Amino acid sequence: MSQFSQSRRVRAGDLARRKAEGRKIIALTAYHAHTAGILDAYCDFILVGDSLGMVMHGMESTLPVTVEMMIVQAQAVMRGTSRALIVVDLPFGSYEASKEQAFHTAARVLKETGAGAIKMEGGAKFAETVAFLVERGVPVMGHIGLTPQSVNTMGGFKVQGHTPESAEAVMADAVAISRAGAFAMVMEGIVEPVARAVAASPEVTALTIGIGASAQCDGQILVLEDMLGLSDRAPKFVKSYGALRGHIEDAVKGYADDVREGRFPALEHTYPPRG
């Protein structure tokens, strides 16, 4: 369980101080109040990710996700939690046009959800936007490496850092986002030695949160449904901590069999008359 003991909700600044203390950051995604409530006691931050498009809605990518979708699910997660920092993704098309657009979207998300921070994809080319938001009171978590919102320009979900040029670009992105004032950055789908070098770099003061990166990152994050064994196919970097898909199928089959055979509802599941 997390070592935070304060009754108040964790803030971005609380996590930033943990890097110096050498304690690992624990994070997972959540989109629902009830699952977020379970995570709350164990996670330092919970990400309401735009992965909800694929996980909840069966979309092929995160690109169709809207700001309205993010706000609704973030509100649910906030209602289900009381302690963890809640971070909300800015979806594709809601921040890239200008730093002013990014601030407008971020301010709306924070106001309408009560979340404590936003996350946005992109490296050095968005450093100015990160700085613009931070200067105006928006805690920003970056996201570098494999950035799912760029799946079309990347040519698919491809691991980054295999070539010297790619490795240099990853490091440059990390340094730029950190210098711009991001309190943390998700590092996704990055060759392990490159991710390790970023995490160890004195030029990167922001927290490094790995997902398919390196154990040397300051913390780790996974999509909840992947690590619980609910997804049809999980990425290579996922360790399964459950097999809920099979359990759910067994439960639904048992229910269907009981209804079909007249075993449910039994008398104890019905209401007797009064008196």
Protein backbone atom coordinates (compact mmCIF):
# COMPACT_ATOMS: atom_id res chain seq x y z
CA MET A 1 0.00 0.00 0.00
CA SER A 2 1.15 3.53 -0.65
CA GLN A 3 3.01 5.20 2.19
CA PHE A 4 1.00 8.42 1.96
CA SER A 5 -0.79 8.92 5.27
CA GLN A 6 -2.43 12.30 4.76
CA SER A 7 -6.19 12.35 4.69
CA ARG A 8 -6.17 14.99 1.97
CA ARG A 9 -5.89 14.08 -1.68
CA VAL A 10 -2.40 13.63 -3.09
CA ARG A 11 -1.16 16.54 -5.20
CA ALA A 12 1.36 16.70 -8.01
CA GLY A 13 3.89 18.32 -5.69
CA ASP A 14 3.68 15.39 -3.30
CA LEU A 15 4.73 13.02 -6.06
CA ALA A 16 7.53 15.27 -7.25
CA ARG A 17 9.10 15.18 -3.78
CA ARG A 18 9.19 11.39 -3.84
CA LYS A 19 11.92 11.27 -6.48
CA ALA A 20 14.45 12.63 -3.98
CA GLU A 21 13.21 10.11 -1.42
CA GLY A 22 13.82 7.21 -3.79
CA ARG A 23 10.34 5.70 -3.39
CA LYS A 24 8.55 4.18 -6.37
CA ILE A 25 5.36 5.70 -7.76
CA ILE A 26 2.45 3.30 -8.26
CA ALA A 27 -0.17 4.08 -10.88
CA LEU A 28 -2.94 2.43 -12.88
CA THR A 29 -5.67 3.61 -15.21
CA ALA A 30 -9.34 3.74 -14.23
CA TYR A 31 -12.54 4.96 -15.87
CA HIS A 32 -15.25 3.91 -13.40
CA ALA A 33 -16.10 4.94 -9.85
CA HIS A 34 -16.15 1.41 -8.41
CA THR A 35 -12.81 0.26 -9.84
CA ALA A 36 -11.19 3.60 -9.00
CA GLY A 37 -12.37 3.14 -5.44
CA ILE A 38 -10.45 -0.14 -5.21
CA LEU A 39 -7.30 1.42 -6.68
CA ASP A 40 -7.44 4.46 -4.40
CA ALA A 41 -5.79 2.76 -1.42
CA TYR A 42 -2.87 1.42 -3.44
CA CYS A 43 -2.08 3.95 -6.18
CA ASP A 44 -0.27 7.25 -5.80
CA PHE A 45 -1.99 8.52 -8.91
CA ILE A 46 -4.76 7.20 -11.12
CA LEU A 47 -4.78 8.08 -14.80
CA VAL A 48 -8.07 8.59 -16.58
CA GLY A 49 -6.51 7.75 -19.91
CA ASP A 50 -7.80 8.22 -23.41
CA SER A 51 -7.20 4.47 -23.64
CA LEU A 52 -10.84 4.38 -22.53
CA GLY A 53 -11.68 4.68 -26.21
CA MET A 54 -10.17 1.27 -26.88
CA VAL A 55 -10.89 -0.38 -23.53
CA MET A 56 -14.46 0.82 -22.95
CA HIS A 57 -15.73 1.63 -26.42
CA GLY A 58 -13.92 -0.87 -28.64
CA MET A 59 -12.26 1.81 -30.78
CA GLU A 60 -9.22 0.85 -32.84
CA SER A 61 -7.19 3.76 -31.47
CA THR A 62 -7.49 6.65 -29.04
CA LEU A 63 -7.98 9.21 -31.82
CA PRO A 64 -11.82 9.39 -31.75
CA VAL A 65 -11.94 10.13 -28.00
CA THR A 66 -13.47 13.52 -27.15
CA VAL A 67 -12.98 15.97 -24.30
CA GLU A 68 -16.57 15.29 -23.22
CA MET A 69 -15.84 11.56 -22.90
CA MET A 70 -12.78 12.29 -20.78
CA ILE A 71 -14.70 14.64 -18.49
CA VAL A 72 -17.55 12.19 -17.85
CA GLN A 73 -15.21 9.34 -16.90
CA ALA A 74 -12.93 11.61 -14.84
CA GLN A 75 -15.95 12.79 -12.87
CA ALA A 76 -16.80 9.16 -12.15
CA VAL A 77 -13.26 8.41 -11.00
CA MET A 78 -13.23 11.47 -8.76
CA ARG A 79 -16.49 10.38 -7.15
CA GLY A 80 -15.05 6.94 -6.45
CA THR A 81 -11.82 8.15 -4.84
CA SER A 82 -10.71 10.37 -1.99
CA ARG A 83 -6.92 10.07 -1.79
CA ALA A 84 -5.03 9.39 -5.02
CA LEU A 85 -4.02 12.15 -7.41
CA ILE A 86 -6.28 11.97 -10.46
CA VAL A 87 -4.62 12.78 -13.80
CA VAL A 88 -6.71 13.22 -16.95
CA ASP A 89 -5.53 12.80 -20.54
CA LEU A 90 -6.09 15.60 -23.02
CA PRO A 91 -7.43 13.78 -26.09
CA PHE A 92 -6.22 14.13 -29.65
CA GLY A 93 -7.20 17.45 -31.25
CA SER A 94 -7.82 19.27 -27.98
CA TYR A 95 -4.41 20.89 -27.43
CA GLU A 96 -2.19 20.66 -30.52
CA ALA A 97 -3.40 23.75 -32.40
CA SER A 98 -1.93 26.26 -29.96
CA LYS A 99 -0.85 26.70 -26.36
CA GLU A 100 -3.99 28.78 -25.84
CA GLN A 101 -6.17 25.89 -27.01
CA ALA A 102 -4.29 23.60 -24.66
CA PHE A 103 -4.88 25.91 -21.71
CA HIS A 104 -8.58 26.28 -22.54
CA THR A 105 -9.00 22.49 -22.65
CA ALA A 106 -6.91 21.86 -19.55
CA ALA A 107 -8.75 24.52 -17.56
CA ARG A 108 -12.10 23.08 -18.58
CA VAL A 109 -11.06 19.56 -17.62
CA LEU A 110 -9.74 20.61 -14.21
CA LYS A 111 -12.77 22.80 -13.48
CA GLU A 112 -15.40 20.29 -14.51
CA THR A 113 -13.80 17.23 -12.92
CA GLY A 114 -11.85 18.48 -9.91
CA ALA A 115 -8.85 16.42 -11.05
CA GLY A 116 -5.37 17.41 -9.94
CA ALA A 117 -3.41 17.33 -13.19
CA ILE A 118 -3.61 16.74 -16.93
CA LYS A 119 -1.48 14.60 -19.20
CA MET A 120 -0.56 15.47 -22.76
CA GLU A 121 1.43 13.56 -25.36
CA GLY A 122 4.41 14.92 -27.24
CA GLY A 123 8.00 15.86 -26.64
CA ALA A 124 10.17 18.86 -27.44
CA LYS A 125 7.73 20.34 -29.95
CA PHE A 126 5.20 20.77 -27.12
CA ALA A 127 7.64 22.09 -24.51
CA GLU A 128 6.42 25.65 -25.04
CA THR A 129 2.85 24.51 -24.46
CA VAL A 130 3.85 22.67 -21.28
CA ALA A 131 5.57 25.80 -19.96
CA PHE A 132 2.54 27.93 -20.89
CA LEU A 133 0.22 25.67 -18.90
CA VAL A 134 2.51 25.34 -15.89
CA GLU A 135 2.96 29.11 -15.70
CA ARG A 136 -0.83 29.38 -15.47
CA GLY A 137 -1.24 26.91 -12.67
CA VAL A 138 -1.89 23.68 -14.55
CA PRO A 139 0.10 20.66 -13.31
CA VAL A 140 1.29 18.83 -16.43
CA MET A 141 2.35 15.23 -16.90
CA GLY A 142 4.09 14.61 -20.22
CA HIS A 143 4.09 11.49 -22.36
CA ILE A 144 7.03 10.55 -24.61
CA GLY A 145 8.25 7.58 -26.61
CA LEU A 146 5.42 5.61 -28.15
CA THR A 147 2.63 8.16 -28.20
CA PRO A 148 -0.65 6.46 -29.21
CA GLN A 149 -2.21 9.68 -30.52
CA SER A 150 0.56 9.74 -33.17
CA VAL A 151 -0.11 6.17 -34.30
CA ASN A 152 -0.80 7.27 -37.89
CA THR A 153 2.41 9.26 -38.30
CA MET A 154 4.47 6.65 -36.43
CA GLY A 155 3.22 3.93 -38.75
CA GLY A 156 1.65 1.95 -35.92
CA PHE A 157 2.35 1.21 -32.29
CA LYS A 158 6.13 1.03 -32.61
CA VAL A 159 8.73 0.86 -29.86
CA GLN A 160 11.03 3.89 -29.86
CA GLY A 161 14.80 4.16 -29.36
CA HIS A 162 16.08 1.35 -31.57
CA THR A 163 18.36 3.63 -33.61
CA PRO A 164 20.85 6.22 -32.36
CA GLU A 165 18.72 8.97 -33.90
CA SER A 166 15.59 7.69 -32.20
CA ALA A 167 17.38 7.31 -28.87
CA GLU A 168 18.66 10.90 -29.10
CA ALA A 169 15.15 12.12 -29.90
CA VAL A 170 13.72 10.34 -26.85
CA MET A 171 16.33 11.92 -24.58
CA ALA A 172 15.80 15.35 -26.14
CA ASP A 173 12.04 15.05 -25.61
CA ALA A 174 12.49 14.07 -21.97
CA VAL A 175 14.89 16.93 -21.24
CA ALA A 176 12.69 19.48 -23.01
CA ILE A 177 9.50 18.42 -21.21
CA SER A 178 11.28 18.36 -17.86
CA ARG A 179 12.81 21.80 -18.36
CA ALA A 180 9.41 23.15 -19.40
CA GLY A 181 8.07 22.31 -15.96
CA ALA A 182 6.27 18.99 -16.28
CA PHE A 183 6.17 17.35 -12.85
CA ALA A 184 6.24 13.87 -14.43
CA MET A 185 6.25 12.09 -17.76
CA VAL A 186 4.97 8.75 -18.93
CA MET A 187 7.64 6.90 -20.92
CA GLU A 188 5.93 4.34 -23.13
CA GLY A 189 7.33 1.72 -25.47
CA ILE A 190 10.99 2.71 -25.24
CA VAL A 191 14.01 0.38 -25.61
CA GLU A 192 15.12 -0.45 -22.05
CA PRO A 193 18.69 0.96 -22.13
CA VAL A 194 17.39 4.24 -23.56
CA ALA A 195 14.61 4.48 -20.96
CA ARG A 196 17.13 3.68 -18.23
CA ALA A 197 19.44 6.44 -19.46
CA VAL A 198 16.58 8.96 -19.43
CA ALA A 199 15.56 7.95 -15.91
CA ALA A 200 19.16 8.36 -14.70
CA SER A 201 19.85 11.64 -16.50
CA PRO A 202 20.53 14.60 -14.19
CA GLU A 203 18.90 16.78 -16.84
CA VAL A 204 15.57 15.03 -16.31
CA THR A 205 14.18 16.23 -12.99
CA ALA A 206 10.57 15.25 -13.72
CA LEU A 207 9.33 11.92 -12.44
CA THR A 208 9.68 9.14 -15.01
CA ILE A 209 6.73 6.75 -15.13
CA GLY A 210 7.38 3.65 -17.18
CA ILE A 211 5.04 1.55 -19.27
CA GLY A 212 7.08 -0.75 -21.46
CA ALA A 213 10.22 1.21 -20.57
CA SER A 214 12.52 0.34 -17.65
CA ALA A 215 12.38 -0.79 -14.02
CA GLN A 216 14.73 2.12 -13.32
CA CYS A 217 11.93 4.63 -13.89
CA ASP A 218 10.63 6.44 -10.81
CA GLY A 219 7.33 4.58 -11.09
CA GLN A 220 5.22 2.31 -13.25
CA ILE A 221 1.77 2.42 -14.78
CA LEU A 222 -0.39 -0.16 -16.55
CA VAL A 223 -3.86 -0.22 -18.04
CA LEU A 224 -5.98 -1.85 -15.34
CA GLU A 225 -7.89 -4.11 -17.70
CA ASP A 226 -4.63 -5.43 -19.16
CA MET A 227 -3.06 -6.40 -15.84
CA LEU A 228 -6.32 -7.97 -14.62
CA GLY A 229 -6.49 -10.26 -17.63
CA LEU A 230 -9.63 -8.70 -19.11
CA SER A 231 -8.13 -7.73 -22.46
CA ASP A 232 -8.15 -10.09 -25.45
CA ARG A 233 -4.54 -9.24 -26.22
CA ALA A 234 -2.19 -7.45 -23.87
CA PRO A 235 1.10 -5.81 -24.93
CA LYS A 236 4.42 -7.53 -24.21
CA PHE A 237 5.16 -5.18 -21.33
CA VAL A 238 2.10 -6.26 -19.32
CA LYS A 239 2.43 -8.69 -16.45
CA SER A 240 -0.89 -10.37 -15.72
CA TYR A 241 -1.93 -10.16 -12.07
CA GLY A 242 -5.32 -11.75 -12.60
CA ALA A 243 -7.48 -13.78 -14.97
CA LEU A 244 -10.78 -11.95 -14.61
CA ARG A 245 -11.96 -12.59 -18.16
CA GLY A 246 -12.27 -16.30 -17.40
CA HIS A 247 -13.89 -15.65 -14.02
CA ILE A 248 -16.45 -13.32 -15.57
CA GLU A 249 -17.25 -15.81 -18.31
CA ASP A 250 -17.74 -18.56 -15.72
CA ALA A 251 -20.02 -16.32 -13.64
CA VAL A 252 -22.13 -15.28 -16.63
CA LYS A 253 -22.39 -18.90 -17.83
CA GLY A 254 -23.48 -19.98 -14.34
CA TYR A 255 -26.12 -17.25 -14.25
CA ALA A 256 -27.40 -18.14 -17.72
CA ASP A 257 -27.58 -21.84 -16.83
CA ASP A 258 -29.47 -21.13 -13.60
CA VAL A 259 -32.02 -18.92 -15.34
CA ARG A 260 -32.45 -21.38 -18.19
CA GLU A 261 -33.01 -24.29 -15.78
CA GLY A 262 -35.27 -22.34 -13.43
CA ARG A 263 -32.81 -22.39 -10.51
CA PHE A 264 -32.65 -18.60 -10.31
CA PRO A 265 -34.26 -16.79 -8.68
CA ALA A 266 -34.67 -19.19 -5.78
CA LEU A 267 -37.07 -18.48 -2.94
CA GLU A 268 -34.37 -16.69 -0.92
CA HIS A 269 -33.97 -14.19 -3.76
CA THR A 270 -37.65 -13.15 -3.73
CA TYR A 271 -39.77 -11.01 -1.39
CA PRO A 272 -42.43 -12.72 0.78
CA PRO A 273 -45.70 -10.94 1.55
CA ARG A 274 -45.86 -8.85 4.73
CA GLY A 275 -47.54 -10.28 7.80
